[in-house]
C-alpha cells in the first residue's frame, strides 16, 4: 500500500485485506480487552479492597474522563501537528507503566483511593490523545469510502471484547484479586503498542509552516463543529446520553455487588451481555442504515433501545437481574449502531487538516460530559441510594435522542460528504 487511500481496486476490497488495518485491529483487540479488565477492576478495587463510598466510586469514574474537559481542545491541535502512529504507541506504553503502579502498591500495602484517582487521571489524559489520534488516523489509513466498514469492524472488536472481557476480568479478579488483574491490562497495552509500531503506512509530516497560534487552531475546530447544524445536533445528543449513562454506569458497579450481592464473576457476565448487544449492533449497522437511512438510523437506534436499561434498577435479585442484563444488551445494540453511523459521518465530512481538531472538539463536548455525569451519579447515589440513581440516570438517557430528532438529520437518508453540503441542509 503506497498511501492512505490506496488504488481503486483496494477501495473496493474489504478492509481486512489491508495489512495495516489488520494490525490496527489486533492492537484494538488487545487494548479493548485491557480496558474491559481495568474498567471492572479499578472500581472493584475501590469498592471491595478500599471500601469506598458511592461518591468516591463516582469520583473515581469521573477521574478517568475528566481529561477530556481539561485538555480535550488543545489535544486536538497537538494531534494535528504530530504523526498519529507515534501518539498511539506512546499513549499505550505510558498507560501500561502507570497501571503497574497499582498492583505494586497493593503488594507493598500502601494502596489508597488517592492513588486510584491519580492513575485514572493519567490514564484518562493519554486516552484523550489515543482516541483523537486513532479516529483521525483511520480515514487516512483506509480511505473515506470504507469508513463505515472499517468502523463497523472495529466496533465488532470492541463488542467482542465487551462480551469476553468482563467474564475474563471477573475470573481474573476472583483468582488473583482486582489489583493484580490490572497487571494483565498493562501487558495488553504493551502488546497493543507493538502492533501499532509494525504498521507500514507513513503519514506525511504535518506542515509546520501552516500552523496558527494554539488558540486560533482551537477556535477553528470549534467553529467547524458548532457552526455545522448536523454536527451540533450529534454533539448535543451524544453529550446528554454520555452525561446520563456515565451516572448510570458509575452506580451500576456499586449497585450490583452492594445492593444485589453479585460476585466479580457474575458482574463480569452482566457486563458481557452489554457486549453481546454491541456485537449484534456492529453486525447489523450497514443493513440498518441502508434500510432506514443514515439520519433515521442515528436517532432510532437509541430512542428504541435505551429504555430497556431501566429493567436493571427494577431488579431485586434472582432471575430479574438477568432480565435487567438483557435490557443492557438491547441498549448496547443501539449504542453501537449510533456510534458507527455518526462517527463514520463525522470522519467523512471533515477535511484531513481538521480531523484531529474535529475529533477533539467532539470528544471535549461529548466525553467531557462523562466526568460530570459520574460525579452526579455518585452524589445521587450518596443521597438517595444506587437504585434510585439508576432510575434517574436511565430516564435522562432515554431522552438523549431529542437533539437529533429535532434537527434535519431525522429524515436524511444519505448524510452529506462535504462541509459545503451541510451549510444549508434541506428542510425537515
Protein backbone atom coordinates (compact mmCIF):
# COMPACT_ATOMS: atom_id res chain seq x y z
CA UNK A 1 0.00 0.00 0.00
CA UNK A 2 1.55 3.30 -1.04
CA UNK A 3 -0.78 5.78 0.63
CA UNK A 4 -3.76 6.04 2.97
CA UNK A 5 -6.36 5.75 0.24
CA UNK A 6 -4.84 3.05 -1.97
CA UNK A 7 -5.71 2.19 -5.55
CA UNK A 8 -9.25 1.96 -6.87
CA UNK A 9 -9.29 -1.82 -6.57
CA UNK A 10 -8.20 -1.54 -2.90
CA UNK A 11 -11.13 0.75 -2.24
CA UNK A 12 -13.48 -1.97 -3.47
CA UNK A 13 -11.80 -4.71 -1.42
CA UNK A 14 -12.69 -5.49 2.15
CA UNK A 15 -10.69 -3.58 4.74
CA UNK A 16 -9.39 -6.84 6.23
CA UNK A 17 -7.24 -7.28 3.11
CA UNK A 18 -5.30 -4.20 4.20
CA UNK A 19 -2.27 -5.25 6.30
CA UNK A 20 -2.12 -2.01 8.29
CA UNK A 21 -5.81 -2.20 9.12
CA UNK A 22 -5.33 -5.76 10.38
CA UNK A 23 -2.54 -4.60 12.69
CA UNK A 24 -4.77 -1.77 13.90
CA UNK A 25 -7.47 -4.38 14.51
CA UNK A 26 -5.05 -6.58 16.50
CA UNK A 27 -3.94 -3.58 18.52
CA UNK A 28 -7.51 -2.54 19.17
CA UNK A 29 -8.44 -6.07 20.25
CA UNK A 30 -5.72 -6.11 22.90
CA UNK A 31 -6.45 -2.57 24.00
CA UNK A 32 -10.18 -3.24 24.32
CA UNK A 33 -9.66 -6.42 26.33
CA UNK A 34 -7.34 -4.49 28.63
CA UNK A 35 -9.89 -1.71 29.02
CA UNK A 36 -12.55 -4.23 29.99
CA UNK A 37 -10.26 -5.58 32.69
CA UNK A 38 -9.40 -2.16 34.11
CA UNK A 39 -12.96 -0.88 33.70
CA UNK A 40 -14.17 -3.60 36.05
CA UNK A 41 -11.08 -3.97 38.25
CA UNK A 42 -10.50 -0.29 39.11
CA UNK A 43 -13.91 0.36 40.71
CA UNK A 44 -13.88 -3.08 42.35
CA UNK A 45 -10.52 -2.25 43.93
CA UNK A 46 -12.21 0.84 45.37
CA UNK A 47 -15.42 -0.92 46.45
CA UNK A 48 -14.01 -4.23 47.73
CA UNK A 49 -10.38 -3.57 48.70
CA UNK A 50 -10.73 0.02 49.95
CA UNK A 51 -14.46 0.03 50.96
CA UNK A 52 -15.10 3.26 49.06
CA UNK A 53 -18.42 5.12 49.30
CA UNK A 54 -20.84 5.80 46.44
CA UNK A 55 -19.46 9.30 45.99
CA UNK A 56 -15.85 8.05 45.94
CA UNK A 57 -16.73 5.49 43.26
CA UNK A 58 -18.44 8.19 41.23
CA UNK A 59 -15.40 10.45 41.61
CA UNK A 60 -13.10 7.62 40.51
CA UNK A 61 -15.19 7.16 37.38
CA UNK A 62 -15.02 10.91 36.77
CA UNK A 63 -11.21 10.92 37.02
CA UNK A 64 -10.95 8.59 34.02
CA UNK A 65 -12.71 11.03 31.68
CA UNK A 66 -12.15 14.50 33.19
CA UNK A 67 -9.09 14.90 30.95
CA UNK A 68 -11.44 15.45 28.01
CA UNK A 69 -12.60 18.62 29.77
CA UNK A 70 -9.13 19.70 30.89
CA UNK A 71 -7.06 19.15 27.74
CA UNK A 72 -9.52 17.95 25.10
CA UNK A 73 -9.41 21.05 22.89
CA UNK A 74 -5.64 21.68 22.84
CA UNK A 75 -5.05 17.93 22.41
CA UNK A 76 -6.75 18.14 19.01
CA UNK A 77 -4.34 20.84 17.89
CA UNK A 78 -1.32 18.88 19.12
CA UNK A 79 -2.55 15.70 17.42
CA UNK A 80 -2.91 17.56 14.11
CA UNK A 81 0.71 18.74 14.49
CA UNK A 82 2.19 15.27 15.10
CA UNK A 83 2.22 11.87 13.41
CA UNK A 84 -0.68 9.77 14.63
CA UNK A 85 1.14 6.44 14.92
CA UNK A 86 3.72 7.82 17.34
CA UNK A 87 0.95 9.21 19.55
CA UNK A 88 -0.76 5.80 19.66
CA UNK A 89 2.43 3.96 20.65
CA UNK A 90 3.49 6.43 23.35
CA UNK A 91 -0.02 6.54 24.85
CA UNK A 92 -0.17 2.75 25.14
CA UNK A 93 3.29 2.46 26.70
CA UNK A 94 2.72 5.17 29.31
CA UNK A 95 -0.66 3.67 30.18
CA UNK A 96 0.96 0.28 30.75
CA UNK A 97 3.59 1.70 33.11
CA UNK A 98 1.07 3.71 35.12
CA UNK A 99 -1.27 0.74 35.58
CA UNK A 100 1.55 -1.39 37.01
CA UNK A 101 1.82 1.00 39.97
CA UNK A 102 -1.48 -0.30 41.39
CA UNK A 103 -0.54 -3.98 41.95
CA UNK A 104 2.89 -2.79 43.12
CA UNK A 105 1.38 -0.50 45.76
CA UNK A 106 -1.10 -3.21 46.77
CA UNK A 107 1.71 -5.75 47.28
CA UNK A 108 3.53 -3.17 49.43
CA UNK A 109 0.41 -2.44 51.45
CA UNK A 110 0.34 1.28 50.60
CA UNK A 111 -2.52 1.45 48.08
CA UNK A 112 -5.02 4.28 48.67
CA UNK A 113 -8.05 5.65 46.87
CA UNK A 114 -5.97 8.75 46.07
CA UNK A 115 -3.58 6.61 44.02
CA UNK A 116 -6.57 5.17 42.14
CA UNK A 117 -7.67 8.72 41.36
CA UNK A 118 -4.19 9.62 40.11
CA UNK A 119 -3.88 6.52 37.92
CA UNK A 120 -7.36 7.06 36.46
CA UNK A 121 -6.49 10.70 35.71
CA UNK A 122 -3.18 9.90 33.96
CA UNK A 123 -4.79 7.07 32.02
CA UNK A 124 -7.52 9.48 31.01
CA UNK A 125 -5.04 12.07 29.73
CA UNK A 126 -3.36 9.60 27.41
CA UNK A 127 -6.74 8.16 26.39
CA UNK A 128 -7.57 11.63 25.07
CA UNK A 129 -4.52 11.60 22.81
CA UNK A 130 -5.01 7.96 21.80
CA UNK A 131 -8.69 8.34 20.92
CA UNK A 132 -8.29 11.58 18.97
CA UNK A 133 -5.28 10.23 17.04
CA UNK A 134 -6.97 6.90 16.37
CA UNK A 135 -10.16 8.42 14.93
CA UNK A 136 -8.11 10.87 12.88
CA UNK A 137 -5.79 8.12 11.56
CA UNK A 138 -8.48 5.82 10.21
CA UNK A 139 -9.63 7.94 7.21
CA UNK A 140 -6.02 8.24 6.02
CA UNK A 141 -5.38 4.56 6.57
CA UNK A 142 -8.32 3.01 4.69
CA UNK A 143 -9.92 5.91 2.77
CA UNK A 144 -13.19 7.67 3.44
CA UNK A 145 -15.21 5.41 1.15
CA UNK A 146 -14.58 2.45 3.51
CA UNK A 147 -15.16 4.20 6.83
CA UNK A 148 -18.49 2.56 7.67
CA UNK A 149 -17.00 -0.88 7.06
CA UNK A 150 -13.82 -0.04 8.98
CA UNK A 151 -15.66 1.45 11.95
CA UNK A 152 -18.09 -1.48 11.99
CA UNK A 153 -15.16 -3.95 12.10
CA UNK A 154 -13.55 -2.01 14.94
CA UNK A 155 -16.84 -1.79 16.83
CA UNK A 156 -17.20 -5.55 16.35
CA UNK A 157 -13.85 -5.97 18.10
CA UNK A 158 -15.00 -3.61 20.83
CA UNK A 159 -18.21 -5.59 21.30
CA UNK A 160 -16.43 -8.95 21.32
CA UNK A 161 -14.09 -7.52 23.97
CA UNK A 162 -17.14 -6.39 25.95
CA UNK A 163 -18.53 -9.90 25.54
CA UNK A 164 -15.46 -11.84 26.67
CA UNK A 165 -13.52 -9.18 28.54
CA UNK A 166 -15.74 -8.78 31.62
CA UNK A 167 -16.06 -12.54 32.03
CA UNK A 168 -12.27 -12.91 31.82
CA UNK A 169 -11.85 -9.90 34.10
CA UNK A 170 -14.28 -11.32 36.64
CA UNK A 171 -12.45 -14.65 36.60
CA UNK A 172 -9.04 -12.98 36.94
CA UNK A 173 -10.29 -10.83 39.80
CA UNK A 174 -11.77 -13.89 41.53
CA UNK A 175 -8.49 -15.80 41.15
CA UNK A 176 -5.92 -13.05 41.65
CA UNK A 177 -7.79 -10.11 43.26
CA UNK A 178 -8.62 -6.89 41.43
CA UNK A 179 -5.26 -5.10 41.91
CA UNK A 180 -3.27 -7.99 40.43
CA UNK A 181 -5.67 -8.34 37.49
CA UNK A 182 -4.66 -4.84 36.39
CA UNK A 183 -1.19 -6.18 35.55
CA UNK A 184 -2.80 -8.11 32.68
CA UNK A 185 -4.23 -4.85 31.34
CA UNK A 186 -0.70 -3.39 31.37
CA UNK A 187 0.61 -6.33 29.36
CA UNK A 188 -2.22 -5.96 26.85
CA UNK A 189 -1.42 -2.27 26.36
CA UNK A 190 2.24 -3.07 25.77
CA UNK A 191 1.33 -5.61 23.08
CA UNK A 192 -1.08 -3.10 21.54
CA UNK A 193 1.79 -0.63 21.16
CA UNK A 194 3.87 -3.35 19.49
CA UNK A 195 1.25 -3.94 16.77
CA UNK A 196 0.79 -0.23 16.09
CA UNK A 197 4.55 0.11 15.75
CA UNK A 198 4.55 -2.54 13.00
CA UNK A 199 2.17 -0.63 10.75
CA UNK A 200 3.80 0.46 7.48
CA UNK A 201 1.75 3.48 6.45
CA UNK A 202 3.83 6.64 6.77
CA UNK A 203 1.67 9.67 7.38
CA UNK A 204 3.09 12.78 5.70
CA UNK A 205 4.77 15.06 8.18
CA UNK A 206 2.34 17.88 9.14
CA UNK A 207 3.27 21.24 7.66
CA UNK A 208 4.80 23.28 10.47
CA UNK A 209 4.69 26.44 8.36
CA UNK A 210 0.90 26.42 8.21
CA UNK A 211 0.43 26.45 11.98
CA UNK A 212 -1.65 29.13 13.64
CA UNK A 213 -1.38 30.10 17.31
CA UNK A 214 -2.84 27.46 19.63
CA UNK A 215 -5.96 29.50 20.46
CA UNK A 216 -6.66 30.18 16.78
CA UNK A 217 -6.35 26.49 15.91
CA UNK A 218 -8.71 25.55 18.76
CA UNK A 219 -11.19 28.18 17.59
CA UNK A 220 -11.10 26.79 14.05
CA UNK A 221 -12.06 23.34 15.31
CA UNK A 222 -14.86 24.76 17.47
CA UNK A 223 -16.24 26.78 14.56
CA UNK A 224 -16.25 23.74 12.31
CA UNK A 225 -18.25 21.62 14.77
CA UNK A 226 -20.55 24.21 16.35
CA UNK A 227 -21.15 26.03 13.07
CA UNK A 228 -22.45 22.87 11.43
CA UNK A 229 -26.10 22.13 12.34
CA UNK A 230 -25.72 18.37 11.86
CA UNK A 231 -22.56 18.05 13.93
CA UNK A 232 -24.09 20.34 16.55
CA UNK A 233 -27.13 18.07 16.88
CA UNK A 234 -24.96 14.97 17.17
CA UNK A 235 -22.81 16.65 19.81
CA UNK A 236 -25.87 17.64 21.84
CA UNK A 237 -27.45 14.20 21.70
CA UNK A 238 -24.23 12.35 22.50
CA UNK A 239 -23.30 14.68 25.35
CA UNK A 240 -26.70 14.25 27.01
CA UNK A 241 -26.52 10.47 26.64
CA UNK A 242 -22.96 10.31 27.98
CA UNK A 243 -23.85 12.52 30.94
CA UNK A 244 -26.69 10.21 31.93
CA UNK A 245 -25.00 6.91 31.07
CA UNK A 246 -21.84 7.82 33.00
CA UNK A 247 -24.01 8.38 36.09
CA UNK A 248 -25.78 5.09 35.36
CA UNK A 249 -22.61 3.01 34.92
CA UNK A 250 -20.89 4.53 37.96
CA UNK A 251 -23.78 3.40 40.14
CA UNK A 252 -24.24 0.07 38.37
CA UNK A 253 -20.77 -1.03 39.53
CA UNK A 254 -21.87 -0.12 43.06
CA UNK A 255 -25.45 -1.49 42.78
CA UNK A 256 -24.52 -4.99 41.60
CA UNK A 257 -22.13 -6.00 44.43
CA UNK A 258 -23.57 -3.93 47.31
CA UNK A 259 -27.34 -3.93 46.69
CA UNK A 260 -27.82 -7.16 44.72
CA UNK A 261 -24.87 -9.10 46.16
CA UNK A 262 -23.28 -10.31 42.93
CA UNK A 263 -19.69 -11.53 42.91
CA UNK A 264 -16.97 -10.46 40.49
CA UNK A 265 -17.66 -13.33 38.07
CA UNK A 266 -21.39 -12.62 37.94
CA UNK A 267 -20.75 -8.90 37.44
CA UNK A 268 -18.46 -9.81 34.55
CA UNK A 269 -21.28 -11.80 32.93
CA UNK A 270 -23.68 -8.84 33.31
CA UNK A 271 -21.23 -6.55 31.51
CA UNK A 272 -20.67 -9.22 28.86
CA UNK A 273 -24.33 -9.06 27.91
CA UNK A 274 -23.80 -5.39 27.10
CA UNK A 275 -21.09 -6.63 24.72
CA UNK A 276 -23.44 -9.18 23.12
CA UNK A 277 -25.82 -6.36 22.23
CA UNK A 278 -22.96 -4.25 20.91
CA UNK A 279 -21.70 -7.10 18.73
CA UNK A 280 -25.16 -7.56 17.23
CA UNK A 281 -25.33 -3.82 16.59
CA UNK A 282 -21.96 -3.77 14.84
CA UNK A 283 -23.01 -6.61 12.56
CA UNK A 284 -26.37 -5.00 11.79
CA UNK A 285 -25.31 -1.38 11.24
CA UNK A 286 -24.75 -1.46 7.48
CA UNK A 287 -28.07 -3.16 6.79
CA UNK A 288 -29.94 -0.88 9.15
CA UNK A 289 -28.51 2.28 7.59
CA UNK A 290 -29.42 1.00 4.12
CA UNK A 291 -32.94 0.16 5.28
CA UNK A 292 -33.69 3.18 7.47
CA UNK A 293 -31.30 5.75 6.01
CA UNK A 294 -28.31 7.20 7.86
CA UNK A 295 -30.13 10.05 9.63
CA UNK A 296 -33.07 7.97 10.94
CA UNK A 297 -30.67 5.19 11.98
CA UNK A 298 -28.81 7.65 14.23
CA UNK A 299 -31.82 8.63 16.34
CA UNK A 300 -33.94 5.48 16.12
CA UNK A 301 -31.03 3.32 17.31
CA UNK A 302 -31.03 4.92 20.76
CA UNK A 303 -34.66 6.05 21.05
CA UNK A 304 -35.93 2.47 20.72
CA UNK A 305 -33.30 0.63 22.79
CA UNK A 306 -32.21 2.83 25.71
CA UNK A 307 -35.48 2.35 27.70
CA UNK A 308 -34.55 -1.32 28.16
CA UNK A 309 -31.73 -0.18 30.51
CA UNK A 310 -34.45 0.67 33.05
CA UNK A 311 -35.00 -3.05 33.61
CA UNK A 312 -31.81 -3.17 35.71
CA UNK A 313 -32.85 -0.88 38.60
CA UNK A 314 -36.16 -2.80 38.66
CA UNK A 315 -34.22 -5.97 39.52
CA UNK A 316 -34.30 -7.28 43.09
CA UNK A 317 -32.15 -10.37 42.74
CA UNK A 318 -32.52 -13.80 41.14
CA UNK A 319 -33.86 -14.04 37.58
CA UNK A 320 -34.75 -10.33 37.49
CA UNK A 321 -31.03 -9.43 37.46
CA UNK A 322 -30.59 -11.34 34.21
CA UNK A 323 -33.69 -9.71 32.75
CA UNK A 324 -32.04 -6.38 33.58
CA UNK A 325 -28.80 -7.57 31.99
CA UNK A 326 -30.74 -8.46 28.83
CA UNK A 327 -32.02 -4.88 28.85
CA UNK A 328 -28.40 -3.72 28.87
CA UNK A 329 -27.80 -5.91 25.82
CA UNK A 330 -30.59 -4.08 23.99
CA UNK A 331 -29.10 -0.72 25.00
CA UNK A 332 -25.66 -1.89 23.82
CA UNK A 333 -27.13 -2.74 20.40
CA UNK A 334 -28.43 0.80 19.97
CA UNK A 335 -25.26 2.47 21.26
CA UNK A 336 -23.07 0.70 18.69
CA UNK A 337 -25.39 1.37 15.73
CA UNK A 338 -25.47 5.03 16.76
CA UNK A 339 -21.71 5.27 17.18
CA UNK A 340 -20.72 3.56 13.92
CA UNK A 341 -23.13 5.71 11.90
CA UNK A 342 -22.36 9.10 13.40
CA UNK A 343 -18.59 8.62 13.76
CA UNK A 344 -18.30 7.50 10.13
CA UNK A 345 -20.29 10.54 9.04
CA UNK A 346 -18.07 12.91 11.04
CA UNK A 347 -14.89 11.41 9.60
CA UNK A 348 -16.29 11.50 6.06
CA UNK A 349 -17.35 15.13 6.40
CA UNK A 350 -14.14 16.60 7.81
CA UNK A 351 -11.10 17.76 5.76
CA UNK A 352 -7.84 15.98 6.60
CA UNK A 353 -6.21 19.02 8.20
CA UNK A 354 -9.12 19.39 10.64
CA UNK A 355 -9.61 15.73 11.63
CA UNK A 356 -7.71 15.99 14.90
CA UNK A 357 -9.44 19.19 15.96
CA UNK A 358 -12.89 17.96 14.92
CA UNK A 359 -12.46 14.73 16.88
CA UNK A 360 -11.00 16.57 19.87
CA UNK A 361 -13.79 19.15 19.86
CA UNK A 362 -16.43 16.43 19.70
CA UNK A 363 -14.67 14.47 22.44
CA UNK A 364 -14.44 17.61 24.57
CA UNK A 365 -18.17 18.19 24.20
CA UNK A 366 -19.44 14.63 24.48
CA UNK A 367 -16.84 12.87 26.62
CA UNK A 368 -16.42 15.94 28.77
CA UNK A 369 -19.96 15.24 29.94
CA UNK A 370 -18.91 11.90 31.41
CA UNK A 371 -16.97 13.06 34.49
CA UNK A 372 -19.81 15.46 35.29
CA UNK A 373 -22.29 12.61 34.94
CA UNK A 374 -20.19 10.28 37.09
CA UNK A 375 -19.99 12.85 39.90
CA UNK A 376 -23.74 13.48 39.62
CA UNK A 377 -24.36 9.73 39.75
CA UNK A 378 -22.17 9.36 42.82
CA UNK A 379 -23.87 12.31 44.52
CA UNK A 380 -27.36 10.96 43.74
CA UNK A 381 -26.30 7.53 44.98
CA UNK A 382 -24.95 9.02 48.20
CA UNK A 383 -28.20 10.95 48.80
CA UNK A 384 -30.86 8.51 47.58
CA UNK A 385 -29.14 5.17 47.08
CA UNK A 386 -27.70 3.46 43.99
CA UNK A 387 -31.06 2.07 42.82
CA UNK A 388 -32.74 5.49 42.75
CA UNK A 389 -29.70 6.97 40.98
CA UNK A 390 -30.01 4.29 38.28
CA UNK A 391 -33.67 5.14 37.72
CA UNK A 392 -32.95 8.86 37.40
CA UNK A 393 -29.91 8.47 35.14
CA UNK A 394 -31.64 5.91 32.93
CA UNK A 395 -34.67 8.16 32.47
CA UNK A 396 -32.49 11.06 31.30
CA UNK A 397 -30.62 8.74 28.91
CA UNK A 398 -33.94 7.80 27.31
CA UNK A 399 -34.40 11.44 26.25
CA UNK A 400 -30.95 11.86 24.69
CA UNK A 401 -32.19 11.31 21.13
CA UNK A 402 -34.15 14.58 21.17
CA UNK A 403 -31.44 16.96 19.83
CA UNK A 404 -31.02 14.74 16.75
CA UNK A 405 -34.72 14.16 16.14
CA UNK A 406 -35.33 17.93 16.31
CA UNK A 407 -32.67 18.53 13.65
CA UNK A 408 -32.66 17.98 9.85
CA UNK A 409 -30.87 14.66 10.49
CA UNK A 410 -34.08 12.85 11.35
CA UNK A 411 -35.18 12.44 7.71
CA UNK A 412 -31.88 12.49 5.82
CA UNK A 413 -31.36 9.06 4.27
CA UNK A 414 -27.90 9.98 2.99
CA UNK A 415 -25.74 12.29 5.05
CA UNK A 416 -23.53 14.74 3.12
CA UNK A 417 -19.86 14.13 2.34
CA UNK A 418 -18.55 17.69 2.48
CA UNK A 419 -18.89 20.80 4.63
CA UNK A 420 -20.50 22.83 1.84
CA UNK A 421 -23.32 20.33 1.59
CA UNK A 422 -24.20 20.90 5.23
CA UNK A 423 -24.11 24.70 5.20
CA UNK A 424 -27.77 24.81 4.19
CA UNK A 425 -29.33 21.41 4.94
CA UNK A 426 -32.62 20.53 3.34
CA UNK A 427 -35.70 21.41 5.35
CA UNK A 428 -37.05 18.66 7.56
